[in-house]
Amino acid sequence: MIEIAGLLASVIIPAIGGIVWLVRLEGRINSNKQTIAEVQKDQEDLRAQVRLDLAAITARADAEAAAHNQTTIALVRVQEQLKYLTDMIERLVGSPRARGRQPVDQ
């Protein structure tokens, strides 16, 4: 009888230890699954925020480029007007550059 009790104890105690180990392992697995899900959600949130930030930066860069193009066009127009006015003044006053040109009738 004692031999059977000793045999049962030597089988039951490790079996209980194995069950406890499996329960703890299952708890860790569930905890890891939850952590992975939270990290994936955070990652998606960050991706969405990066997309929004990138869209805002792109829009701002496009606006800056458009403003630069408008400034360049305006500068060319001013240069053309300045050349036209300079030519008119030289015709009216008569400068060495205007030799050979006819004076403007007044």
PDB file of N, CA and C in Angstrom:
ATOM      1  N   MET A   1       0.790  -1.174   0.000  1.00  0.00           N
ATOM      2  CA  MET A   1       0.000   0.000   0.000  1.00  0.00           C
ATOM      3  C   MET A   1       0.851   1.266   0.000  1.00  0.00           C
ATOM      4  N   ILE A   2       1.887   1.234   0.792  1.00  0.00           N
ATOM      5  CA  ILE A   2       2.775   2.391   0.833  1.00  0.00           C
ATOM      6  C   ILE A   2       3.481   2.550  -0.512  1.00  0.00           C
ATOM      7  N   GLU A   3       3.778   1.438  -1.117  1.00  0.00           N
ATOM      8  CA  GLU A   3       4.433   1.506  -2.425  1.00  0.00           C
ATOM      9  C   GLU A   3       3.495   2.134  -3.457  1.00  0.00           C
ATOM     10  N   ILE A   4       2.246   1.797  -3.403  1.00  0.00           N
ATOM     11  CA  ILE A   4       1.280   2.371  -4.348  1.00  0.00           C
ATOM     12  C   ILE A   4       1.106   3.858  -4.059  1.00  0.00           C
ATOM     13  N   ALA A   5       1.040   4.222  -2.796  1.00  0.00           N
ATOM     14  CA  ALA A   5       0.896   5.637  -2.435  1.00  0.00           C
ATOM     15  C   ALA A   5       2.127   6.415  -2.887  1.00  0.00           C
ATOM     16  N   GLY A   6       3.307   5.824  -2.723  1.00  0.00           N
ATOM     17  CA  GLY A   6       4.528   6.490  -3.179  1.00  0.00           C
ATOM     18  C   GLY A   6       4.551   6.636  -4.685  1.00  0.00           C
ATOM     19  N   LEU A   7       4.093   5.622  -5.389  1.00  0.00           N
ATOM     20  CA  LEU A   7       4.029   5.664  -6.844  1.00  0.00           C
ATOM     21  C   LEU A   7       3.028   6.716  -7.305  1.00  0.00           C
ATOM     22  N   LEU A   8       1.863   6.736  -6.664  1.00  0.00           N
ATOM     23  CA  LEU A   8       0.865   7.748  -7.012  1.00  0.00           C
ATOM     24  C   LEU A   8       1.384   9.157  -6.727  1.00  0.00           C
ATOM     25  N   ALA A   9       2.060   9.327  -5.600  1.00  0.00           N
ATOM     26  CA  ALA A   9       2.605  10.649  -5.262  1.00  0.00           C
ATOM     27  C   ALA A   9       3.669  11.069  -6.264  1.00  0.00           C
ATOM     28  N   SER A  10       4.490  10.116  -6.707  1.00  0.00           N
ATOM     29  CA  SER A  10       5.539  10.469  -7.663  1.00  0.00           C
ATOM     30  C   SER A  10       4.964  10.773  -9.045  1.00  0.00           C
ATOM     31  N   VAL A  11       3.771  10.323  -9.343  1.00  0.00           N
ATOM     32  CA  VAL A  11       3.132  10.621 -10.629  1.00  0.00           C
ATOM     33  C   VAL A  11       2.240  11.853 -10.506  1.00  0.00           C
ATOM     34  N   ILE A  12       1.489  11.972  -9.432  1.00  0.00           N
ATOM     35  CA  ILE A  12       0.524  13.060  -9.266  1.00  0.00           C
ATOM     36  C   ILE A  12       1.226  14.399  -9.058  1.00  0.00           C
ATOM     37  N   ILE A  13       2.258  14.453  -8.263  1.00  0.00           N
ATOM     38  CA  ILE A  13       2.940  15.739  -7.997  1.00  0.00           C
ATOM     39  C   ILE A  13       3.541  16.323  -9.271  1.00  0.00           C
ATOM     40  N   PRO A  14       4.274  15.567 -10.083  1.00  0.00           N
ATOM     41  CA  PRO A  14       4.755  16.149 -11.348  1.00  0.00           C
ATOM     42  C   PRO A  14       3.615  16.506 -12.296  1.00  0.00           C
ATOM     43  N   ALA A  15       2.525  15.735 -12.292  1.00  0.00           N
ATOM     44  CA  ALA A  15       1.383  16.049 -13.158  1.00  0.00           C
ATOM     45  C   ALA A  15       0.770  17.387 -12.747  1.00  0.00           C
ATOM     46  N   ILE A  16       0.623  17.609 -11.459  1.00  0.00           N
ATOM     47  CA  ILE A  16       0.091  18.889 -10.975  1.00  0.00           C
ATOM     48  C   ILE A  16       1.053  20.017 -11.355  1.00  0.00           C
ATOM     49  N   GLY A  17       2.345  19.792 -11.200  1.00  0.00           N
ATOM     50  CA  GLY A  17       3.339  20.803 -11.599  1.00  0.00           C
ATOM     51  C   GLY A  17       3.247  21.113 -13.082  1.00  0.00           C
ATOM     52  N   GLY A  18       3.050  20.060 -13.912  1.00  0.00           N
ATOM     53  CA  GLY A  18       2.899  20.267 -15.359  1.00  0.00           C
ATOM     54  C   GLY A  18       1.655  21.063 -15.685  1.00  0.00           C
ATOM     55  N   ILE A  19       0.564  20.783 -14.990  1.00  0.00           N
ATOM     56  CA  ILE A  19      -0.688  21.520 -15.221  1.00  0.00           C
ATOM     57  C   ILE A  19      -0.509  22.984 -14.831  1.00  0.00           C
ATOM     58  N   VAL A  20       0.118  23.229 -13.696  1.00  0.00           N
ATOM     59  CA  VAL A  20       0.367  24.620 -13.274  1.00  0.00           C
ATOM     60  C   VAL A  20       1.234  25.325 -14.303  1.00  0.00           C
ATOM     61  N   TRP A  21       2.257  24.641 -14.795  1.00  0.00           N
ATOM     62  CA  TRP A  21       3.154  25.243 -15.797  1.00  0.00           C
ATOM     63  C   TRP A  21       2.375  25.571 -17.065  1.00  0.00           C
ATOM     64  N   LEU A  22       1.501  24.664 -17.503  1.00  0.00           N
ATOM     65  CA  LEU A  22       0.693  24.904 -18.702  1.00  0.00           C
ATOM     66  C   LEU A  22      -0.267  26.080 -18.513  1.00  0.00           C
ATOM     67  N   VAL A  23      -0.873  26.186 -17.335  1.00  0.00           N
ATOM     68  CA  VAL A  23      -1.788  27.308 -17.069  1.00  0.00           C
ATOM     69  C   VAL A  23      -1.022  28.628 -17.104  1.00  0.00           C
ATOM     70  N   ARG A  24       0.151  28.670 -16.485  1.00  0.00           N
ATOM     71  CA  ARG A  24       0.962  29.891 -16.499  1.00  0.00           C
ATOM     72  C   ARG A  24       1.402  30.224 -17.925  1.00  0.00           C
ATOM     73  N   LEU A  25       1.765  29.199 -18.700  1.00  0.00           N
ATOM     74  CA  LEU A  25       2.172  29.410 -20.090  1.00  0.00           C
ATOM     75  C   LEU A  25       1.015  29.980 -20.907  1.00  0.00           C
ATOM     76  N   GLU A  26      -0.177  29.455 -20.694  1.00  0.00           N
ATOM     77  CA  GLU A  26      -1.351  29.974 -21.394  1.00  0.00           C
ATOM     78  C   GLU A  26      -1.597  31.447 -21.026  1.00  0.00           C
ATOM     79  N   GLY A  27      -1.402  31.786 -19.766  1.00  0.00           N
ATOM     80  CA  GLY A  27      -1.546  33.181 -19.331  1.00  0.00           C
ATOM     81  C   GLY A  27      -0.538  34.088 -20.028  1.00  0.00           C
ATOM     82  N   ARG A  28       0.705  33.622 -20.147  1.00  0.00           N
ATOM     83  CA  ARG A  28       1.720  34.416 -20.845  1.00  0.00           C
ATOM     84  C   ARG A  28       1.382  34.575 -22.327  1.00  0.00           C
ATOM     85  N   ILE A  29       0.897  33.487 -22.929  1.00  0.00           N
ATOM     86  CA  ILE A  29       0.523  33.549 -24.350  1.00  0.00           C
ATOM     87  C   ILE A  29      -0.595  34.566 -24.549  1.00  0.00           C
ATOM     88  N   ASN A  30      -1.612  34.525 -23.698  1.00  0.00           N
ATOM     89  CA  ASN A  30      -2.715  35.490 -23.805  1.00  0.00           C
ATOM     90  C   ASN A  30      -2.224  36.912 -23.577  1.00  0.00           C
ATOM     91  N   SER A  31      -1.337  37.072 -22.624  1.00  0.00           N
ATOM     92  CA  SER A  31      -0.779  38.395 -22.359  1.00  0.00           C
ATOM     93  C   SER A  31       0.014  38.901 -23.565  1.00  0.00           C
ATOM     94  N   ASN A  32       0.800  38.009 -24.166  1.00  0.00           N
ATOM     95  CA  ASN A  32       1.575  38.391 -25.353  1.00  0.00           C
ATOM     96  C   ASN A  32       0.662  38.735 -26.521  1.00  0.00           C
ATOM     97  N   LYS A  33      -0.433  37.972 -26.696  1.00  0.00           N
ATOM     98  CA  LYS A  33      -1.384  38.277 -27.772  1.00  0.00           C
ATOM     99  C   LYS A  33      -1.995  39.652 -27.575  1.00  0.00           C
ATOM    100  N   GLN A  34      -2.339  39.966 -26.329  1.00  0.00           N
ATOM    101  CA  GLN A  34      -2.923  41.275 -26.038  1.00  0.00           C
ATOM    102  C   GLN A  34      -1.900  42.382 -26.298  1.00  0.00           C
ATOM    103  N   THR A  35      -0.664  42.157 -25.888  1.00  0.00           N
ATOM    104  CA  THR A  35       0.390  43.150 -26.108  1.00  0.00           C
ATOM    105  C   THR A  35       0.629  43.358 -27.600  1.00  0.00           C
ATOM    106  N   ILE A  36       0.652  42.274 -28.359  1.00  0.00           N
ATOM    107  CA  ILE A  36       0.847  42.375 -29.807  1.00  0.00           C
ATOM    108  C   ILE A  36      -0.307  43.145 -30.444  1.00  0.00           C
ATOM    109  N   ALA A  37      -1.530  42.879 -30.018  1.00  0.00           N
ATOM    110  CA  ALA A  37      -2.687  43.604 -30.555  1.00  0.00           C
ATOM    111  C   ALA A  37      -2.591  45.097 -30.246  1.00  0.00           C
ATOM    112  N   GLU A  38      -2.168  45.435 -29.034  1.00  0.00           N
ATOM    113  CA  GLU A  38      -2.016  46.851 -28.668  1.00  0.00           C
ATOM    114  C   GLU A  38      -0.920  47.508 -29.491  1.00  0.00           C
ATOM    115  N   VAL A  39       0.180  46.806 -29.695  1.00  0.00           N
ATOM    116  CA  VAL A  39       1.284  47.361 -30.490  1.00  0.00           C
ATOM    117  C   VAL A  39       0.845  47.563 -31.939  1.00  0.00           C
ATOM    118  N   GLN A  40       0.097  46.611 -32.484  1.00  0.00           N
ATOM    119  CA  GLN A  40      -0.398  46.749 -33.853  1.00  0.00           C
ATOM    120  C   GLN A  40      -1.355  47.923 -33.978  1.00  0.00           C
ATOM    121  N   LYS A  41      -2.213  48.117 -32.973  1.00  0.00           N
ATOM    122  CA  LYS A  41      -3.123  49.261 -32.996  1.00  0.00           C
ATOM    123  C   LYS A  41      -2.341  50.565 -32.923  1.00  0.00           C
ATOM    124  N   ASP A  42      -1.348  50.617 -32.038  1.00  0.00           N
ATOM    125  CA  ASP A  42      -0.513  51.815 -31.938  1.00  0.00           C
ATOM    126  C   ASP A  42       0.220  52.074 -33.248  1.00  0.00           C
ATOM    127  N   GLN A  43       0.686  50.994 -33.876  1.00  0.00           N
ATOM    128  CA  GLN A  43       1.395  51.133 -35.144  1.00  0.00           C
ATOM    129  C   GLN A  43       0.468  51.694 -36.222  1.00  0.00           C
ATOM    130  N   GLU A  44      -0.756  51.211 -36.302  1.00  0.00           N
ATOM    131  CA  GLU A  44      -1.718  51.734 -37.270  1.00  0.00           C
ATOM    132  C   GLU A  44      -2.046  53.195 -36.984  1.00  0.00           C
ATOM    133  N   ASP A  45      -2.197  53.539 -35.698  1.00  0.00           N
ATOM    134  CA  ASP A  45      -2.456  54.932 -35.336  1.00  0.00           C
ATOM    135  C   ASP A  45      -1.293  55.831 -35.769  1.00  0.00           C
ATOM    136  N   LEU A  46      -0.077  55.353 -35.547  1.00  0.00           N
ATOM    137  CA  LEU A  46       1.096  56.137 -35.945  1.00  0.00           C
ATOM    138  C   LEU A  46       1.177  56.269 -37.463  1.00  0.00           C
ATOM    139  N   ARG A  47       0.864  55.190 -38.175  1.00  0.00           N
ATOM    140  CA  ARG A  47       0.867  55.267 -39.639  1.00  0.00           C
ATOM    141  C   ARG A  47      -0.146  56.289 -40.133  1.00  0.00           C
ATOM    142  N   ALA A  48      -1.320  56.285 -39.536  1.00  0.00           N
ATOM    143  CA  ALA A  48      -2.349  57.252 -39.926  1.00  0.00           C
ATOM    144  C   ALA A  48      -1.880  58.673 -39.635  1.00  0.00           C
ATOM    145  N   GLN A  49      -1.254  58.875 -38.482  1.00  0.00           N
ATOM    146  CA  GLN A  49      -0.751  60.209 -38.136  1.00  0.00           C
ATOM    147  C   GLN A  49       0.356  60.645 -39.090  1.00  0.00           C
ATOM    148  N   VAL A  50       1.226  59.705 -39.457  1.00  0.00           N
ATOM    149  CA  VAL A  50       2.299  60.028 -40.405  1.00  0.00           C
ATOM    150  C   VAL A  50       1.709  60.404 -41.757  1.00  0.00           C
ATOM    151  N   ARG A  51       0.664  59.673 -42.187  1.00  0.00           N
ATOM    152  CA  ARG A  51       0.013  60.014 -43.460  1.00  0.00           C
ATOM    153  C   ARG A  51      -0.565  61.423 -43.413  1.00  0.00           C
ATOM    154  N   LEU A  52      -1.231  61.762 -42.299  1.00  0.00           N
ATOM    155  CA  LEU A  52      -1.793  63.109 -42.169  1.00  0.00           C
ATOM    156  C   LEU A  52      -0.706  64.171 -42.163  1.00  0.00           C
ATOM    157  N   ASP A  53       0.355  63.919 -41.398  1.00  0.00           N
ATOM    158  CA  ASP A  53       1.457  64.886 -41.333  1.00  0.00           C
ATOM    159  C   ASP A  53       2.126  65.041 -42.691  1.00  0.00           C
ATOM    160  N   LEU A  54       2.313  63.934 -43.396  1.00  0.00           N
ATOM    161  CA  LEU A  54       2.947  63.979 -44.712  1.00  0.00           C
ATOM    162  C   LEU A  54       2.073  64.729 -45.708  1.00  0.00           C
ATOM    163  N   ALA A  55       0.771  64.528 -45.621  1.00  0.00           N
ATOM    164  CA  ALA A  55      -0.141  65.253 -46.506  1.00  0.00           C
ATOM    165  C   ALA A  55      -0.074  66.753 -46.231  1.00  0.00           C
ATOM    166  N   ALA A  56      -0.005  67.129 -44.962  1.00  0.00           N
ATOM    167  CA  ALA A  56       0.095  68.552 -44.611  1.00  0.00           C
ATOM    168  C   ALA A  56       1.419  69.135 -45.100  1.00  0.00           C
ATOM    169  N   ILE A  57       2.493  68.395 -44.935  1.00  0.00           N
ATOM    170  CA  ILE A  57       3.807  68.876 -45.387  1.00  0.00           C
ATOM    171  C   ILE A  57       3.830  69.010 -46.906  1.00  0.00           C
ATOM    172  N   THR A  58       3.259  68.034 -47.600  1.00  0.00           N
ATOM    173  CA  THR A  58       3.213  68.076 -49.063  1.00  0.00           C
ATOM    174  C   THR A  58       2.384  69.265 -49.535  1.00  0.00           C
ATOM    175  N   ALA A  59       1.250  69.496 -48.893  1.00  0.00           N
ATOM    176  CA  ALA A  59       0.411  70.637 -49.271  1.00  0.00           C
ATOM    177  C   ALA A  59       1.149  71.948 -49.047  1.00  0.00           C
ATOM    178  N   ARG A  60       1.864  72.031 -47.931  1.00  0.00           N
ATOM    179  CA  ARG A  60       2.617  73.260 -47.651  1.00  0.00           C
ATOM    180  C   ARG A  60       3.742  73.456 -48.666  1.00  0.00           C
ATOM    181  N   ALA A  61       4.428  72.368 -49.015  1.00  0.00           N
ATOM    182  CA  ALA A  61       5.503  72.463 -50.004  1.00  0.00           C
ATOM    183  C   ALA A  61       4.948  72.868 -51.365  1.00  0.00           C
ATOM    184  N   ASP A  62       3.794  72.310 -51.732  1.00  0.00           N
ATOM    185  CA  ASP A  62       3.167  72.691 -52.997  1.00  0.00           C
ATOM    186  C   ASP A  62       2.773  74.167 -52.994  1.00  0.00           C
ATOM    187  N   ALA A  63       2.259  74.633 -51.869  1.00  0.00           N
ATOM    188  CA  ALA A  63       1.880  76.048 -51.768  1.00  0.00           C
ATOM    189  C   ALA A  63       3.109  76.945 -51.871  1.00  0.00           C
ATOM    190  N   GLU A  64       4.198  76.526 -51.229  1.00  0.00           N
ATOM    191  CA  GLU A  64       5.441  77.309 -51.310  1.00  0.00           C
ATOM    192  C   GLU A  64       5.952  77.341 -52.751  1.00  0.00           C
ATOM    193  N   ALA A  65       5.881  76.203 -53.437  1.00  0.00           N
ATOM    194  CA  ALA A  65       6.346  76.140 -54.830  1.00  0.00           C
ATOM    195  C   ALA A  65       5.474  77.021 -55.717  1.00  0.00           C
ATOM    196  N   ALA A  66       4.165  76.981 -55.499  1.00  0.00           N
ATOM    197  CA  ALA A  66       3.261  77.819 -56.290  1.00  0.00           C
ATOM    198  C   ALA A  66       3.532  79.299 -56.026  1.00  0.00           C
ATOM    199  N   ALA A  67       3.766  79.644 -54.771  1.00  0.00           N
ATOM    200  CA  ALA A  67       4.081  81.040 -54.438  1.00  0.00           C
ATOM    201  C   ALA A  67       5.392  81.461 -55.098  1.00  0.00           C
ATOM    202  N   HIS A  68       6.363  80.561 -55.118  1.00  0.00           N
ATOM    203  CA  HIS A  68       7.642  80.871 -55.760  1.00  0.00           C
ATOM    204  C   HIS A  68       7.441  81.096 -57.255  1.00  0.00           C
ATOM    205  N   ASN A  69       6.623  80.223 -57.881  1.00  0.00           N
ATOM    206  CA  ASN A  69       6.358  80.391 -59.315  1.00  0.00           C
ATOM    207  C   ASN A  69       5.655  81.712 -59.591  1.00  0.00           C
ATOM    208  N   GLN A  70       4.683  82.087 -58.743  1.00  0.00           N
ATOM    209  CA  GLN A  70       3.986  83.356 -58.927  1.00  0.00           C
ATOM    210  C   GLN A  70       4.943  84.535 -58.756  1.00  0.00           C
ATOM    211  N   THR A  71       5.859  84.408 -57.787  1.00  0.00           N
ATOM    212  CA  THR A  71       6.845  85.470 -57.576  1.00  0.00           C
ATOM    213  C   THR A  71       7.756  85.602 -58.785  1.00  0.00           C
ATOM    214  N   THR A  72       8.167  84.481 -59.338  1.00  0.00           N
ATOM    215  CA  THR A  72       9.034  84.502 -60.523  1.00  0.00           C
ATOM    216  C   THR A  72       8.312  85.154 -61.692  1.00  0.00           C
ATOM    217  N   ILE A  73       7.054  84.802 -61.894  1.00  0.00           N
ATOM    218  CA  ILE A  73       6.278  85.399 -62.990  1.00  0.00           C
ATOM    219  C   ILE A  73       6.135  86.902 -62.776  1.00  0.00           C
ATOM    220  N   ALA A  74       5.843  87.305 -61.549  1.00  0.00           N
ATOM    221  CA  ALA A  74       5.702  88.738 -61.254  1.00  0.00           C
ATOM    222  C   ALA A  74       7.023  89.461 -61.472  1.00  0.00           C
ATOM    223  N   LEU A  75       8.123  88.856 -61.105  1.00  0.00           N
ATOM    224  CA  LEU A  75       9.435  89.479 -61.301  1.00  0.00           C
ATOM    225  C   LEU A  75       9.740  89.663 -62.781  1.00  0.00           C
ATOM    226  N   VAL A  76       9.417  88.687 -63.601  1.00  0.00           N
ATOM    227  CA  VAL A  76       9.630  88.801 -65.048  1.00  0.00           C
ATOM    228  C   VAL A  76       8.780  89.931 -65.602  1.00  0.00           C
ATOM    229  N   ARG A  77       7.547  90.047 -65.143  1.00  0.00           N
ATOM    230  CA  ARG A  77       6.676  91.138 -65.613  1.00  0.00           C
ATOM    231  C   ARG A  77       7.250  92.498 -65.217  1.00  0.00           C
ATOM    232  N   VAL A  78       7.737  92.601 -63.987  1.00  0.00           N
ATOM    233  CA  VAL A  78       8.333  93.873 -63.544  1.00  0.00           C
ATOM    234  C   VAL A  78       9.565  94.196 -64.375  1.00  0.00           C
ATOM    235  N   GLN A  79      10.382  93.194 -64.662  1.00  0.00           N
ATOM    236  CA  GLN A  79      11.573  93.427 -65.480  1.00  0.00           C
ATOM    237  C   GLN A  79      11.189  93.895 -66.879  1.00  0.00           C
ATOM    238  N   GLU A  80      10.145  93.296 -67.456  1.00  0.00           N
ATOM    239  CA  GLU A  80       9.698  93.725 -68.785  1.00  0.00           C
ATOM    240  C   GLU A  80       9.192  95.165 -68.751  1.00  0.00           C
ATOM    241  N   GLN A  81       8.423  95.496 -67.705  1.00  0.00           N
ATOM    242  CA  GLN A  81       7.917  96.863 -67.588  1.00  0.00           C
ATOM    243  C   GLN A  81       9.064  97.850 -67.372  1.00  0.00           C
ATOM    244  N   LEU A  82      10.041  97.469 -66.571  1.00  0.00           N
ATOM    245  CA  LEU A  82      11.193  98.329 -66.326  1.00  0.00           C
ATOM    246  C   LEU A  82      11.963  98.581 -67.616  1.00  0.00           C
ATOM    247  N   LYS A  83      12.152  97.550 -68.428  1.00  0.00           N
ATOM    248  CA  LYS A  83      12.842  97.725 -69.705  1.00  0.00           C
ATOM    249  C   LYS A  83      12.047  98.649 -70.619  1.00  0.00           C
ATOM    250  N   TYR A  84      10.726  98.446 -70.663  1.00  0.00           N
ATOM    251  CA  TYR A  84       9.883  99.302 -71.500  1.00  0.00           C
ATOM    252  C   TYR A  84       9.979 100.766 -71.051  1.00  0.00           C
ATOM    253  N   LEU A  85       9.882 100.994 -69.716  1.00  0.00           N
ATOM    254  CA  LEU A  85       9.967 102.371 -69.206  1.00  0.00           C
ATOM    255  C   LEU A  85      11.348 102.972 -69.453  1.00  0.00           C
ATOM    256  N   THR A  86      12.396 102.177 -69.291  1.00  0.00           N
ATOM    257  CA  THR A  86      13.758 102.670 -69.549  1.00  0.00           C
ATOM    258  C   THR A  86      13.895 103.084 -71.008  1.00  0.00           C
ATOM    259  N   ASP A  87      13.374 102.273 -71.913  1.00  0.00           N
ATOM    260  CA  ASP A  87      13.419 102.619 -73.343  1.00  0.00           C
ATOM    261  C   ASP A  87      12.644 103.900 -73.617  1.00  0.00           C
ATOM    262  N   MET A  88      11.493 104.050 -72.988  1.00  0.00           N
ATOM    263  CA  MET A  88      10.692 105.270 -73.200  1.00  0.00           C
ATOM    264  C   MET A  88      11.426 106.504 -72.678  1.00  0.00           C
ATOM    265  N   ILE A  89      12.041 106.385 -71.503  1.00  0.00           N
ATOM    266  CA  ILE A  89      12.776 107.524 -70.931  1.00  0.00           C
ATOM    267  C   ILE A  89      13.957 107.872 -71.818  1.00  0.00           C
ATOM    268  N   GLU A  90      14.660 106.875 -72.304  1.00  0.00           N
ATOM    269  CA  GLU A  90      15.810 107.148 -73.184  1.00  0.00           C
ATOM    270  C   GLU A  90      15.366 107.818 -74.465  1.00  0.00           C
ATOM    271  N   ARG A  91      14.223 107.449 -74.985  1.00  0.00           N
ATOM    272  CA  ARG A  91      13.706 108.113 -76.196  1.00  0.00           C
ATOM    273  C   ARG A  91      13.358 109.568 -75.917  1.00  0.00           C
ATOM    274  N   LEU A  92      12.734 109.797 -74.741  1.00  0.00           N
ATOM    275  CA  LEU A  92      12.330 111.162 -74.418  1.00  0.00           C
ATOM    276  C   LEU A  92      13.531 112.054 -74.112  1.00  0.00           C
ATOM    277  N   VAL A  93      14.463 111.560 -73.349  1.00  0.00           N
ATOM    278  CA  VAL A  93      15.609 112.364 -72.915  1.00  0.00           C
ATOM    279  C   VAL A  93      16.689 112.364 -73.980  1.00  0.00           C
ATOM    280  N   GLY A  94      16.855 111.300 -74.634  1.00  0.00           N
ATOM    281  CA  GLY A  94      17.900 111.172 -75.635  1.00  0.00           C
ATOM    282  C   GLY A  94      19.191 110.727 -74.968  1.00  0.00           C
ATOM    283  N   SER A  95      19.544 109.513 -75.105  1.00  0.00           N
ATOM    284  CA  SER A  95      20.766 108.997 -74.499  1.00  0.00           C
ATOM    285  C   SER A  95      21.643 108.409 -75.581  1.00  0.00           C
ATOM    286  N   PRO A  96      22.884 108.131 -75.248  1.00  0.00           N
ATOM    287  CA  PRO A  96      23.769 107.546 -76.260  1.00  0.00           C
ATOM    288  C   PRO A  96      23.222 106.223 -76.796  1.00  0.00           C
ATOM    289  N   ARG A  97      22.461 105.521 -76.012  1.00  0.00           N
ATOM    290  CA  ARG A  97      21.869 104.264 -76.481  1.00  0.00           C
ATOM    291  C   ARG A  97      20.781 104.534 -77.504  1.00  0.00           C
ATOM    292  N   ALA A  98      20.161 105.689 -77.401  1.00  0.00           N
ATOM    293  CA  ALA A  98      19.027 106.008 -78.273  1.00  0.00           C
ATOM    294  C   ALA A  98      19.459 106.662 -79.569  1.00  0.00           C
ATOM    295  N   ARG A  99      20.767 106.817 -79.818  1.00  0.00           N
ATOM    296  CA  ARG A  99      21.212 107.420 -81.091  1.00  0.00           C
ATOM    297  C   ARG A  99      20.706 106.577 -82.252  1.00  0.00           C
ATOM    298  N   GLY A 100      20.318 107.249 -83.235  1.00  0.00           N
ATOM    299  CA  GLY A 100      19.783 106.559 -84.382  1.00  0.00           C
ATOM    300  C   GLY A 100      18.292 106.337 -84.292  1.00  0.00           C
ATOM    301  N   ARG A 101      17.727 106.571 -83.141  1.00  0.00           N
ATOM    302  CA  ARG A 101      16.280 106.458 -82.994  1.00  0.00           C
ATOM    303  C   ARG A 101      15.666 107.842 -83.189  1.00  0.00           C
ATOM    304  N   GLN A 102      14.465 107.844 -83.632  1.00  0.00           N
ATOM    305  CA  GLN A 102      13.762 109.111 -83.811  1.00  0.00           C
ATOM    306  C   GLN A 102      13.180 109.571 -82.497  1.00  0.00           C
ATOM    307  N   PRO A 103      13.277 110.881 -82.179  1.00  0.00           N
ATOM    308  CA  PRO A 103      12.656 111.373 -80.949  1.00  0.00           C
ATOM    309  C   PRO A 103      11.141 111.258 -81.050  1.00  0.00           C
ATOM    310  N   VAL A 104      10.545 111.107 -79.908  1.00  0.00           N
ATOM    311  CA  VAL A 104       9.097 110.962 -79.817  1.00  0.00           C
ATOM    312  C   VAL A 104       8.468 112.342 -79.993  1.00  0.00           C
ATOM    313  N   ASP A 105       7.424 112.454 -80.827  1.00  0.00           N
ATOM    314  CA  ASP A 105       6.731 113.734 -81.005  1.00  0.00           C
ATOM    315  C   ASP A 105       5.998 114.107 -79.746  1.00  0.00           C
ATOM    316  N   GLN A 106       6.082 115.422 -79.450  1.00  0.00           N
ATOM    317  CA  GLN A 106       5.414 115.888 -78.237  1.00  0.00           C
ATOM    318  C   GLN A 106       4.213 116.714 -78.578  1.00  0.00           C
TER     319      GLN A 106
END
